[in-house]
Amino acid sequence: MDYIELFYKRLTELRIQKGVSARDMSLSLGQSESYINKIENRRTLPSLTGFIYICEYFNITPEEFFNTDNASPQMTKEIIREIEKLTPEQAEHVLLIIKDINKRSSS
């Protein structure tokens, strides 16, 4: 697996999901306006510290960053936080709904 290519692609996907421009993300990370743009255009890679800050910006772990089976790790975390607030019976209803959606999607 080409992890460098995966990194570039995943960064762009996660940034777009978050609905933020490359410029705004760069500035939020305390970097120059073109920082993320340079990364996404394959001109540079972040340092390890820079990568950790990118993960923190998305509120995900490095493992979640590279887990492409989970297309939207931020949303997954938010769903889990909300489910944790439910009673066991309510959580069971949510689980049944999710299973039904997945079943219909795979048909």
PDB file of N, CA and C in Angstrom:
ATOM      1  N   MET A   1       0.846  -1.184   0.000  1.00  0.00           N
ATOM      2  CA  MET A   1       0.000   0.000   0.000  1.00  0.00           C
ATOM      3  C   MET A   1       0.886   1.240   0.000  1.00  0.00           C
ATOM      4  N   ASP A   2       0.514   2.208  -0.781  1.00  0.00           N
ATOM      5  CA  ASP A   2       1.254   3.463  -0.873  1.00  0.00           C
ATOM      6  C   ASP A   2       0.695   4.443   0.164  1.00  0.00           C
ATOM      7  N   TYR A   3       1.307   4.459   1.346  1.00  0.00           N
ATOM      8  CA  TYR A   3       0.797   5.278   2.446  1.00  0.00           C
ATOM      9  C   TYR A   3       0.957   6.771   2.188  1.00  0.00           C
ATOM     10  N   ILE A   4       1.952   7.143   1.423  1.00  0.00           N
ATOM     11  CA  ILE A   4       2.128   8.570   1.135  1.00  0.00           C
ATOM     12  C   ILE A   4       0.986   9.058   0.255  1.00  0.00           C
ATOM     13  N   GLU A   5       0.661   8.291  -0.779  1.00  0.00           N
ATOM     14  CA  GLU A   5      -0.468   8.667  -1.646  1.00  0.00           C
ATOM     15  C   GLU A   5      -1.774   8.647  -0.845  1.00  0.00           C
ATOM     16  N   LEU A   6      -1.933   7.644   0.013  1.00  0.00           N
ATOM     17  CA  LEU A   6      -3.117   7.571   0.869  1.00  0.00           C
ATOM     18  C   LEU A   6      -3.202   8.800   1.768  1.00  0.00           C
ATOM     19  N   PHE A   7      -2.064   9.234   2.287  1.00  0.00           N
ATOM     20  CA  PHE A   7      -2.051  10.410   3.151  1.00  0.00           C
ATOM     21  C   PHE A   7      -2.591  11.634   2.421  1.00  0.00           C
ATOM     22  N   TYR A   8      -2.079  11.891   1.230  1.00  0.00           N
ATOM     23  CA  TYR A   8      -2.529  13.059   0.465  1.00  0.00           C
ATOM     24  C   TYR A   8      -4.038  13.006   0.209  1.00  0.00           C
ATOM     25  N   LYS A   9      -4.500  11.851  -0.230  1.00  0.00           N
ATOM     26  CA  LYS A   9      -5.924  11.689  -0.558  1.00  0.00           C
ATOM     27  C   LYS A   9      -6.795  11.854   0.678  1.00  0.00           C
ATOM     28  N   ARG A  10      -6.392  11.230   1.762  1.00  0.00           N
ATOM     29  CA  ARG A  10      -7.193  11.255   2.993  1.00  0.00           C
ATOM     30  C   ARG A  10      -7.264  12.668   3.575  1.00  0.00           C
ATOM     31  N   LEU A  11      -6.154  13.383   3.549  1.00  0.00           N
ATOM     32  CA  LEU A  11      -6.152  14.749   4.056  1.00  0.00           C
ATOM     33  C   LEU A  11      -7.181  15.590   3.307  1.00  0.00           C
ATOM     34  N   THR A  12      -7.172  15.486   2.000  1.00  0.00           N
ATOM     35  CA  THR A  12      -8.121  16.254   1.193  1.00  0.00           C
ATOM     36  C   THR A  12      -9.555  15.847   1.506  1.00  0.00           C
ATOM     37  N   GLU A  13      -9.816  14.546   1.596  1.00  0.00           N
ATOM     38  CA  GLU A  13     -11.171  14.061   1.899  1.00  0.00           C
ATOM     39  C   GLU A  13     -11.666  14.602   3.239  1.00  0.00           C
ATOM     40  N   LEU A  14     -10.833  14.492   4.254  1.00  0.00           N
ATOM     41  CA  LEU A  14     -11.241  14.924   5.589  1.00  0.00           C
ATOM     42  C   LEU A  14     -11.438  16.438   5.651  1.00  0.00           C
ATOM     43  N   ARG A  15     -10.596  17.170   4.967  1.00  0.00           N
ATOM     44  CA  ARG A  15     -10.739  18.630   4.954  1.00  0.00           C
ATOM     45  C   ARG A  15     -12.047  19.033   4.276  1.00  0.00           C
ATOM     46  N   ILE A  16     -12.353  18.402   3.161  1.00  0.00           N
ATOM     47  CA  ILE A  16     -13.593  18.712   2.445  1.00  0.00           C
ATOM     48  C   ILE A  16     -14.807  18.336   3.289  1.00  0.00           C
ATOM     49  N   GLN A  17     -14.752  17.176   3.940  1.00  0.00           N
ATOM     50  CA  GLN A  17     -15.857  16.767   4.826  1.00  0.00           C
ATOM     51  C   GLN A  17     -16.089  17.797   5.918  1.00  0.00           C
ATOM     52  N   LYS A  18     -15.017  18.346   6.424  1.00  0.00           N
ATOM     53  CA  LYS A  18     -15.126  19.340   7.496  1.00  0.00           C
ATOM     54  C   LYS A  18     -15.640  20.674   6.953  1.00  0.00           C
ATOM     55  N   GLY A  19     -15.583  20.842   5.638  1.00  0.00           N
ATOM     56  CA  GLY A  19     -16.109  22.050   5.018  1.00  0.00           C
ATOM     57  C   GLY A  19     -15.229  23.265   5.222  1.00  0.00           C
ATOM     58  N   VAL A  20     -13.935  23.051   5.214  1.00  0.00           N
ATOM     59  CA  VAL A  20     -12.995  24.140   5.445  1.00  0.00           C
ATOM     60  C   VAL A  20     -12.036  24.245   4.263  1.00  0.00           C
ATOM     61  N   SER A  21     -11.632  25.449   3.954  1.00  0.00           N
ATOM     62  CA  SER A  21     -10.673  25.647   2.860  1.00  0.00           C
ATOM     63  C   SER A  21      -9.274  25.264   3.330  1.00  0.00           C
ATOM     64  N   ALA A  22      -8.417  24.988   2.365  1.00  0.00           N
ATOM     65  CA  ALA A  22      -7.017  24.679   2.690  1.00  0.00           C
ATOM     66  C   ALA A  22      -6.377  25.863   3.399  1.00  0.00           C
ATOM     67  N   ARG A  23      -6.704  27.056   2.963  1.00  0.00           N
ATOM     68  CA  ARG A  23      -6.148  28.268   3.576  1.00  0.00           C
ATOM     69  C   ARG A  23      -6.578  28.385   5.034  1.00  0.00           C
ATOM     70  N   ASP A  24      -7.877  28.232   5.289  1.00  0.00           N
ATOM     71  CA  ASP A  24      -8.375  28.356   6.662  1.00  0.00           C
ATOM     72  C   ASP A  24      -7.795  27.274   7.568  1.00  0.00           C
ATOM     73  N   MET A  25      -7.674  26.071   7.042  1.00  0.00           N
ATOM     74  CA  MET A  25      -7.090  24.993   7.850  1.00  0.00           C
ATOM     75  C   MET A  25      -5.635  25.314   8.165  1.00  0.00           C
ATOM     76  N   SER A  26      -4.906  25.791   7.178  1.00  0.00           N
ATOM     77  CA  SER A  26      -3.495  26.153   7.389  1.00  0.00           C
ATOM     78  C   SER A  26      -3.365  27.179   8.502  1.00  0.00           C
ATOM     79  N   LEU A  27      -4.175  28.220   8.419  1.00  0.00           N
ATOM     80  CA  LEU A  27      -4.112  29.283   9.423  1.00  0.00           C
ATOM     81  C   LEU A  27      -4.532  28.764  10.802  1.00  0.00           C
ATOM     82  N   SER A  28      -5.525  27.878  10.838  1.00  0.00           N
ATOM     83  CA  SER A  28      -5.959  27.295  12.117  1.00  0.00           C
ATOM     84  C   SER A  28      -4.862  26.469  12.762  1.00  0.00           C
ATOM     85  N   LEU A  29      -4.013  25.897  11.931  1.00  0.00           N
ATOM     86  CA  LEU A  29      -2.882  25.110  12.433  1.00  0.00           C
ATOM     87  C   LEU A  29      -1.683  25.985  12.784  1.00  0.00           C
ATOM     88  N   GLY A  30      -1.820  27.297  12.575  1.00  0.00           N
ATOM     89  CA  GLY A  30      -0.724  28.204  12.885  1.00  0.00           C
ATOM     90  C   GLY A  30       0.372  28.200  11.832  1.00  0.00           C
ATOM     91  N   GLN A  31       0.011  27.828  10.628  1.00  0.00           N
ATOM     92  CA  GLN A  31       0.974  27.740   9.535  1.00  0.00           C
ATOM     93  C   GLN A  31       0.713  28.838   8.508  1.00  0.00           C
ATOM     94  N   SER A  32       1.548  28.883   7.480  1.00  0.00           N
ATOM     95  CA  SER A  32       1.353  29.847   6.398  1.00  0.00           C
ATOM     96  C   SER A  32       0.077  29.499   5.638  1.00  0.00           C
ATOM     97  N   GLU A  33      -0.453  30.465   4.912  1.00  0.00           N
ATOM     98  CA  GLU A  33      -1.704  30.276   4.165  1.00  0.00           C
ATOM     99  C   GLU A  33      -1.645  29.094   3.205  1.00  0.00           C
ATOM    100  N   SER A  34      -0.475  28.795   2.676  1.00  0.00           N
ATOM    101  CA  SER A  34      -0.342  27.767   1.643  1.00  0.00           C
ATOM    102  C   SER A  34       0.080  26.391   2.173  1.00  0.00           C
ATOM    103  N   TYR A  35       0.196  26.242   3.476  1.00  0.00           N
ATOM    104  CA  TYR A  35       0.706  24.997   4.079  1.00  0.00           C
ATOM    105  C   TYR A  35      -0.055  23.764   3.602  1.00  0.00           C
ATOM    106  N   ILE A  36      -1.362  23.735   3.805  1.00  0.00           N
ATOM    107  CA  ILE A  36      -2.168  22.563   3.440  1.00  0.00           C
ATOM    108  C   ILE A  36      -2.208  22.415   1.923  1.00  0.00           C
ATOM    109  N   ASN A  37      -2.304  23.513   1.203  1.00  0.00           N
ATOM    110  CA  ASN A  37      -2.308  23.455  -0.254  1.00  0.00           C
ATOM    111  C   ASN A  37      -1.042  22.785  -0.779  1.00  0.00           C
ATOM    112  N   LYS A  38       0.099  23.113  -0.208  1.00  0.00           N
ATOM    113  CA  LYS A  38       1.362  22.498  -0.626  1.00  0.00           C
ATOM    114  C   LYS A  38       1.362  21.001  -0.338  1.00  0.00           C
ATOM    115  N   ILE A  39       0.782  20.620   0.784  1.00  0.00           N
ATOM    116  CA  ILE A  39       0.709  19.190   1.125  1.00  0.00           C
ATOM    117  C   ILE A  39      -0.231  18.480   0.145  1.00  0.00           C
ATOM    118  N   GLU A  40      -1.427  19.025  -0.037  1.00  0.00           N
ATOM    119  CA  GLU A  40      -2.410  18.370  -0.904  1.00  0.00           C
ATOM    120  C   GLU A  40      -1.953  18.310  -2.359  1.00  0.00           C
ATOM    121  N   ASN A  41      -1.109  19.234  -2.772  1.00  0.00           N
ATOM    122  CA  ASN A  41      -0.586  19.224  -4.138  1.00  0.00           C
ATOM    123  C   ASN A  41       0.734  18.469  -4.255  1.00  0.00           C
ATOM    124  N   ARG A  42       1.025  17.697  -3.220  1.00  0.00           N
ATOM    125  CA  ARG A  42       2.161  16.764  -3.220  1.00  0.00           C
ATOM    126  C   ARG A  42       3.522  17.440  -3.362  1.00  0.00           C
ATOM    127  N   ARG A  43       3.620  18.656  -2.873  1.00  0.00           N
ATOM    128  CA  ARG A  43       4.897  19.362  -2.923  1.00  0.00           C
ATOM    129  C   ARG A  43       5.702  19.164  -1.641  1.00  0.00           C
ATOM    130  N   THR A  44       5.014  18.752  -0.571  1.00  0.00           N
ATOM    131  CA  THR A  44       5.695  18.552   0.711  1.00  0.00           C
ATOM    132  C   THR A  44       4.878  17.596   1.563  1.00  0.00           C
ATOM    133  N   LEU A  45       5.479  17.126   2.622  1.00  0.00           N
ATOM    134  CA  LEU A  45       4.795  16.333   3.641  1.00  0.00           C
ATOM    135  C   LEU A  45       4.982  17.038   4.981  1.00  0.00           C
ATOM    136  N   PRO A  46       4.023  16.902   5.883  1.00  0.00           N
ATOM    137  CA  PRO A  46       4.221  17.512   7.199  1.00  0.00           C
ATOM    138  C   PRO A  46       5.227  16.710   8.011  1.00  0.00           C
ATOM    139  N   SER A  47       5.780  17.362   9.004  1.00  0.00           N
ATOM    140  CA  SER A  47       6.617  16.642   9.968  1.00  0.00           C
ATOM    141  C   SER A  47       5.696  15.737  10.788  1.00  0.00           C
ATOM    142  N   LEU A  48       6.273  14.892  11.593  1.00  0.00           N
ATOM    143  CA  LEU A  48       5.456  14.047  12.468  1.00  0.00           C
ATOM    144  C   LEU A  48       4.616  14.915  13.394  1.00  0.00           C
ATOM    145  N   THR A  49       5.212  15.966  13.937  1.00  0.00           N
ATOM    146  CA  THR A  49       4.468  16.883  14.798  1.00  0.00           C
ATOM    147  C   THR A  49       3.340  17.542  14.012  1.00  0.00           C
ATOM    148  N   GLY A  50       3.630  17.941  12.777  1.00  0.00           N
ATOM    149  CA  GLY A  50       2.605  18.536  11.924  1.00  0.00           C
ATOM    150  C   GLY A  50       1.462  17.575  11.671  1.00  0.00           C
ATOM    151  N   PHE A  51       1.786  16.300  11.444  1.00  0.00           N
ATOM    152  CA  PHE A  51       0.752  15.277  11.236  1.00  0.00           C
ATOM    153  C   PHE A  51      -0.114  15.133  12.486  1.00  0.00           C
ATOM    154  N   ILE A  52       0.501  15.132  13.651  1.00  0.00           N
ATOM    155  CA  ILE A  52      -0.261  15.028  14.903  1.00  0.00           C
ATOM    156  C   ILE A  52      -1.204  16.223  15.038  1.00  0.00           C
ATOM    157  N   TYR A  53      -0.739  17.412  14.715  1.00  0.00           N
ATOM    158  CA  TYR A  53      -1.598  18.602  14.766  1.00  0.00           C
ATOM    159  C   TYR A  53      -2.750  18.503  13.767  1.00  0.00           C
ATOM    160  N   ILE A  54      -2.477  17.942  12.611  1.00  0.00           N
ATOM    161  CA  ILE A  54      -3.541  17.738  11.621  1.00  0.00           C
ATOM    162  C   ILE A  54      -4.601  16.793  12.185  1.00  0.00           C
ATOM    163  N   CYS A  55      -4.162  15.707  12.799  1.00  0.00           N
ATOM    164  CA  CYS A  55      -5.116  14.766  13.410  1.00  0.00           C
ATOM    165  C   CYS A  55      -5.921  15.449  14.508  1.00  0.00           C
ATOM    166  N   GLU A  56      -5.251  16.229  15.343  1.00  0.00           N
ATOM    167  CA  GLU A  56      -5.954  16.954  16.406  1.00  0.00           C
ATOM    168  C   GLU A  56      -6.962  17.933  15.817  1.00  0.00           C
ATOM    169  N   TYR A  57      -6.611  18.569  14.719  1.00  0.00           N
ATOM    170  CA  TYR A  57      -7.515  19.507  14.048  1.00  0.00           C
ATOM    171  C   TYR A  57      -8.812  18.789  13.643  1.00  0.00           C
ATOM    172  N   PHE A  58      -8.680  17.554  13.150  1.00  0.00           N
ATOM    173  CA  PHE A  58      -9.853  16.774  12.756  1.00  0.00           C
ATOM    174  C   PHE A  58     -10.484  16.029  13.937  1.00  0.00           C
ATOM    175  N   ASN A  59      -9.860  16.126  15.104  1.00  0.00           N
ATOM    176  CA  ASN A  59     -10.327  15.424  16.301  1.00  0.00           C
ATOM    177  C   ASN A  59     -10.360  13.912  16.089  1.00  0.00           C
ATOM    178  N   ILE A  60      -9.296  13.409  15.470  1.00  0.00           N
ATOM    179  CA  ILE A  60      -9.157  11.972  15.239  1.00  0.00           C
ATOM    180  C   ILE A  60      -7.746  11.540  15.620  1.00  0.00           C
ATOM    181  N   THR A  61      -7.572  10.245  15.776  1.00  0.00           N
ATOM    182  CA  THR A  61      -6.248   9.686  16.068  1.00  0.00           C
ATOM    183  C   THR A  61      -5.524   9.411  14.748  1.00  0.00           C
ATOM    184  N   PRO A  62      -4.205   9.257  14.806  1.00  0.00           N
ATOM    185  CA  PRO A  62      -3.491   8.854  13.583  1.00  0.00           C
ATOM    186  C   PRO A  62      -4.037   7.543  13.005  1.00  0.00           C
ATOM    187  N   GLU A  63      -4.422   6.619  13.860  1.00  0.00           N
ATOM    188  CA  GLU A  63      -5.008   5.360  13.380  1.00  0.00           C
ATOM    189  C   GLU A  63      -6.293   5.636  12.602  1.00  0.00           C
ATOM    190  N   GLU A  64      -7.138   6.508  13.122  1.00  0.00           N
ATOM    191  CA  GLU A  64      -8.388   6.839  12.429  1.00  0.00           C
ATOM    192  C   GLU A  64      -8.107   7.569  11.116  1.00  0.00           C
ATOM    193  N   PHE A  65      -7.047   8.361  11.083  1.00  0.00           N
ATOM    194  CA  PHE A  65      -6.681   9.054   9.849  1.00  0.00           C
ATOM    195  C   PHE A  65      -6.438   8.047   8.730  1.00  0.00           C
ATOM    196  N   PHE A  66      -5.726   6.970   9.012  1.00  0.00           N
ATOM    197  CA  PHE A  66      -5.381   5.993   7.979  1.00  0.00           C
ATOM    198  C   PHE A  66      -6.406   4.875   7.817  1.00  0.00           C
ATOM    199  N   ASN A  67      -7.449   4.873   8.626  1.00  0.00           N
ATOM    200  CA  ASN A  67      -8.499   3.856   8.509  1.00  0.00           C
ATOM    201  C   ASN A  67      -9.492   4.287   7.440  1.00  0.00           C
ATOM    202  N   THR A  68      -9.244   3.873   6.223  1.00  0.00           N
ATOM    203  CA  THR A  68     -10.115   4.281   5.116  1.00  0.00           C
ATOM    204  C   THR A  68     -11.423   3.495   5.087  1.00  0.00           C
ATOM    205  N   ASP A  69     -11.555   2.478   5.928  1.00  0.00           N
ATOM    206  CA  ASP A  69     -12.843   1.783   6.032  1.00  0.00           C
ATOM    207  C   ASP A  69     -13.887   2.683   6.669  1.00  0.00           C
ATOM    208  N   ASN A  70     -13.432   3.661   7.438  1.00  0.00           N
ATOM    209  CA  ASN A  70     -14.331   4.627   8.069  1.00  0.00           C
ATOM    210  C   ASN A  70     -14.197   5.939   7.299  1.00  0.00           C
ATOM    211  N   ALA A  71     -15.136   6.170   6.401  1.00  0.00           N
ATOM    212  CA  ALA A  71     -15.054   7.336   5.514  1.00  0.00           C
ATOM    213  C   ALA A  71     -15.167   8.653   6.266  1.00  0.00           C
ATOM    214  N   SER A  72     -15.848   8.645   7.394  1.00  0.00           N
ATOM    215  CA  SER A  72     -16.064   9.891   8.127  1.00  0.00           C
ATOM    216  C   SER A  72     -15.850   9.685   9.625  1.00  0.00           C
ATOM    217  N   PRO A  73     -14.583   9.641  10.058  1.00  0.00           N
ATOM    218  CA  PRO A  73     -14.322   9.359  11.477  1.00  0.00           C
ATOM    219  C   PRO A  73     -14.880  10.407  12.425  1.00  0.00           C
ATOM    220  N   GLN A  74     -14.943  11.674  11.998  1.00  0.00           N
ATOM    221  CA  GLN A  74     -15.492  12.705  12.880  1.00  0.00           C
ATOM    222  C   GLN A  74     -16.975  12.435  13.148  1.00  0.00           C
ATOM    223  N   MET A  75     -17.717  12.085  12.099  1.00  0.00           N
ATOM    224  CA  MET A  75     -19.140  11.819  12.260  1.00  0.00           C
ATOM    225  C   MET A  75     -19.370  10.553  13.091  1.00  0.00           C
ATOM    226  N   THR A  76     -18.532   9.556  12.888  1.00  0.00           N
ATOM    227  CA  THR A  76     -18.644   8.322  13.663  1.00  0.00           C
ATOM    228  C   THR A  76     -18.498   8.619  15.154  1.00  0.00           C
ATOM    229  N   LYS A  77     -17.499   9.435  15.496  1.00  0.00           N
ATOM    230  CA  LYS A  77     -17.311   9.802  16.905  1.00  0.00           C
ATOM    231  C   LYS A  77     -18.520  10.548  17.451  1.00  0.00           C
ATOM    232  N   GLU A  78     -19.082  11.442  16.656  1.00  0.00           N
ATOM    233  CA  GLU A  78     -20.245  12.206  17.101  1.00  0.00           C
ATOM    234  C   GLU A  78     -21.447  11.285  17.307  1.00  0.00           C
ATOM    235  N   ILE A  79     -21.644  10.339  16.417  1.00  0.00           N
ATOM    236  CA  ILE A  79     -22.749   9.376  16.557  1.00  0.00           C
ATOM    237  C   ILE A  79     -22.575   8.564  17.829  1.00  0.00           C
ATOM    238  N   ILE A  80     -21.365   8.103  18.068  1.00  0.00           N
ATOM    239  CA  ILE A  80     -21.097   7.309  19.278  1.00  0.00           C
ATOM    240  C   ILE A  80     -21.366   8.124  20.534  1.00  0.00           C
ATOM    241  N   ARG A  81     -20.926   9.400  20.548  1.00  0.00           N
ATOM    242  CA  ARG A  81     -21.177  10.256  21.720  1.00  0.00           C
ATOM    243  C   ARG A  81     -22.675  10.391  21.984  1.00  0.00           C
ATOM    244  N   GLU A  82     -23.452  10.539  20.925  1.00  0.00           N
ATOM    245  CA  GLU A  82     -24.900  10.682  21.085  1.00  0.00           C
ATOM    246  C   GLU A  82     -25.548   9.373  21.530  1.00  0.00           C
ATOM    247  N   ILE A  83     -25.090   8.256  20.984  1.00  0.00           N
ATOM    248  CA  ILE A  83     -25.646   6.948  21.371  1.00  0.00           C
ATOM    249  C   ILE A  83     -25.355   6.658  22.832  1.00  0.00           C
ATOM    250  N   GLU A  84     -24.202   7.085  23.323  1.00  0.00           N
ATOM    251  CA  GLU A  84     -23.851   6.852  24.726  1.00  0.00           C
ATOM    252  C   GLU A  84     -24.810   7.547  25.690  1.00  0.00           C
ATOM    253  N   LYS A  85     -25.531   8.541  25.215  1.00  0.00           N
ATOM    254  CA  LYS A  85     -26.486   9.268  26.050  1.00  0.00           C
ATOM    255  C   LYS A  85     -27.851   8.568  26.126  1.00  0.00           C
ATOM    256  N   LEU A  86     -28.055   7.572  25.285  1.00  0.00           N
ATOM    257  CA  LEU A  86     -29.352   6.900  25.203  1.00  0.00           C
ATOM    258  C   LEU A  86     -29.489   5.798  26.248  1.00  0.00           C
ATOM    259  N   THR A  87     -30.725   5.437  26.510  1.00  0.00           N
ATOM    260  CA  THR A  87     -30.985   4.257  27.347  1.00  0.00           C
ATOM    261  C   THR A  87     -30.644   3.023  26.520  1.00  0.00           C
ATOM    262  N   PRO A  88     -30.443   1.887  27.158  1.00  0.00           N
ATOM    263  CA  PRO A  88     -30.165   0.660  26.393  1.00  0.00           C
ATOM    264  C   PRO A  88     -31.265   0.359  25.359  1.00  0.00           C
ATOM    265  N   GLU A  89     -32.501   0.614  25.711  1.00  0.00           N
ATOM    266  CA  GLU A  89     -33.610   0.351  24.786  1.00  0.00           C
ATOM    267  C   GLU A  89     -33.532   1.278  23.575  1.00  0.00           C
ATOM    268  N   GLN A  90     -33.241   2.551  23.809  1.00  0.00           N
ATOM    269  CA  GLN A  90     -33.116   3.504  22.706  1.00  0.00           C
ATOM    270  C   GLN A  90     -31.932   3.133  21.811  1.00  0.00           C
ATOM    271  N   ALA A  91     -30.834   2.739  22.423  1.00  0.00           N
ATOM    272  CA  ALA A  91     -29.652   2.344  21.655  1.00  0.00           C
ATOM    273  C   ALA A  91     -29.965   1.129  20.788  1.00  0.00           C
ATOM    274  N   GLU A  92     -30.755   0.211  21.305  1.00  0.00           N
ATOM    275  CA  GLU A  92     -31.170  -0.974  20.531  1.00  0.00           C
ATOM    276  C   GLU A  92     -31.976  -0.560  19.310  1.00  0.00           C
ATOM    277  N   HIS A  93     -32.850   0.419  19.472  1.00  0.00           N
ATOM    278  CA  HIS A  93     -33.638   0.923  18.332  1.00  0.00           C
ATOM    279  C   HIS A  93     -32.709   1.523  17.275  1.00  0.00           C
ATOM    280  N   VAL A  94     -31.744   2.306  17.711  1.00  0.00           N
ATOM    281  CA  VAL A  94     -30.791   2.913  16.775  1.00  0.00           C
ATOM    282  C   VAL A  94     -30.018   1.825  16.040  1.00  0.00           C
ATOM    283  N   LEU A  95     -29.581   0.808  16.767  1.00  0.00           N
ATOM    284  CA  LEU A  95     -28.856  -0.294  16.151  1.00  0.00           C
ATOM    285  C   LEU A  95     -29.706  -0.986  15.093  1.00  0.00           C
ATOM    286  N   LEU A  96     -30.962  -1.215  15.385  1.00  0.00           N
ATOM    287  CA  LEU A  96     -31.849  -1.856  14.408  1.00  0.00           C
ATOM    288  C   LEU A  96     -32.020  -0.984  13.162  1.00  0.00           C
ATOM    289  N   ILE A  97     -32.115   0.306  13.357  1.00  0.00           N
ATOM    290  CA  ILE A  97     -32.235   1.222  12.211  1.00  0.00           C
ATOM    291  C   ILE A  97     -30.976   1.153  11.354  1.00  0.00           C
ATOM    292  N   ILE A  98     -29.819   1.180  12.000  1.00  0.00           N
ATOM    293  CA  ILE A  98     -28.550   1.113  11.264  1.00  0.00           C
ATOM    294  C   ILE A  98     -28.442  -0.193  10.489  1.00  0.00           C
ATOM    295  N   LYS A  99     -28.794  -1.280  11.128  1.00  0.00           N
ATOM    296  CA  LYS A  99     -28.740  -2.578  10.447  1.00  0.00           C
ATOM    297  C   LYS A  99     -29.678  -2.605   9.256  1.00  0.00           C
ATOM    298  N   ASP A 100     -30.868  -2.022   9.414  1.00  0.00           N
ATOM    299  CA  ASP A 100     -31.829  -1.979   8.309  1.00  0.00           C
ATOM    300  C   ASP A 100     -31.280  -1.145   7.146  1.00  0.00           C
ATOM    301  N   ILE A 101     -30.693  -0.002   7.457  1.00  0.00           N
ATOM    302  CA  ILE A 101     -30.107   0.850   6.410  1.00  0.00           C
ATOM    303  C   ILE A 101     -28.997   0.097   5.683  1.00  0.00           C
ATOM    304  N   ASN A 102     -28.124  -0.570   6.431  1.00  0.00           N
ATOM    305  CA  ASN A 102     -27.021  -1.310   5.812  1.00  0.00           C
ATOM    306  C   ASN A 102     -27.542  -2.461   4.948  1.00  0.00           C
ATOM    307  N   LYS A 103     -28.573  -3.112   5.429  1.00  0.00           N
ATOM    308  CA  LYS A 103     -29.162  -4.220   4.676  1.00  0.00           C
ATOM    309  C   LYS A 103     -29.742  -3.726   3.349  1.00  0.00           C
ATOM    310  N   ARG A 104     -30.444  -2.591   3.404  1.00  0.00           N
ATOM    311  CA  ARG A 104     -31.027  -2.015   2.179  1.00  0.00           C
ATOM    312  C   ARG A 104     -29.947  -1.526   1.222  1.00  0.00           C
ATOM    313  N   SER A 105     -28.856  -1.003   1.782  1.00  0.00           N
ATOM    314  CA  SER A 105     -27.760  -0.473   0.956  1.00  0.00           C
ATOM    315  C   SER A 105     -27.041  -1.582   0.199  1.00  0.00           C
ATOM    316  N   SER A 106     -26.936  -2.730   0.821  1.00  0.00           N
ATOM    317  CA  SER A 106     -26.200  -3.837   0.182  1.00  0.00           C
ATOM    318  C   SER A 106     -27.070  -4.650  -0.763  1.00  0.00           C
ATOM    319  N   SER A 107     -28.353  -4.346  -0.793  1.00  0.00           N
ATOM    320  CA  SER A 107     -29.270  -5.076  -1.697  1.00  0.00           C
ATOM    321  C   SER A 107     -29.251  -4.532  -3.092  1.00  0.00           C
TER     322      SER A 107
END
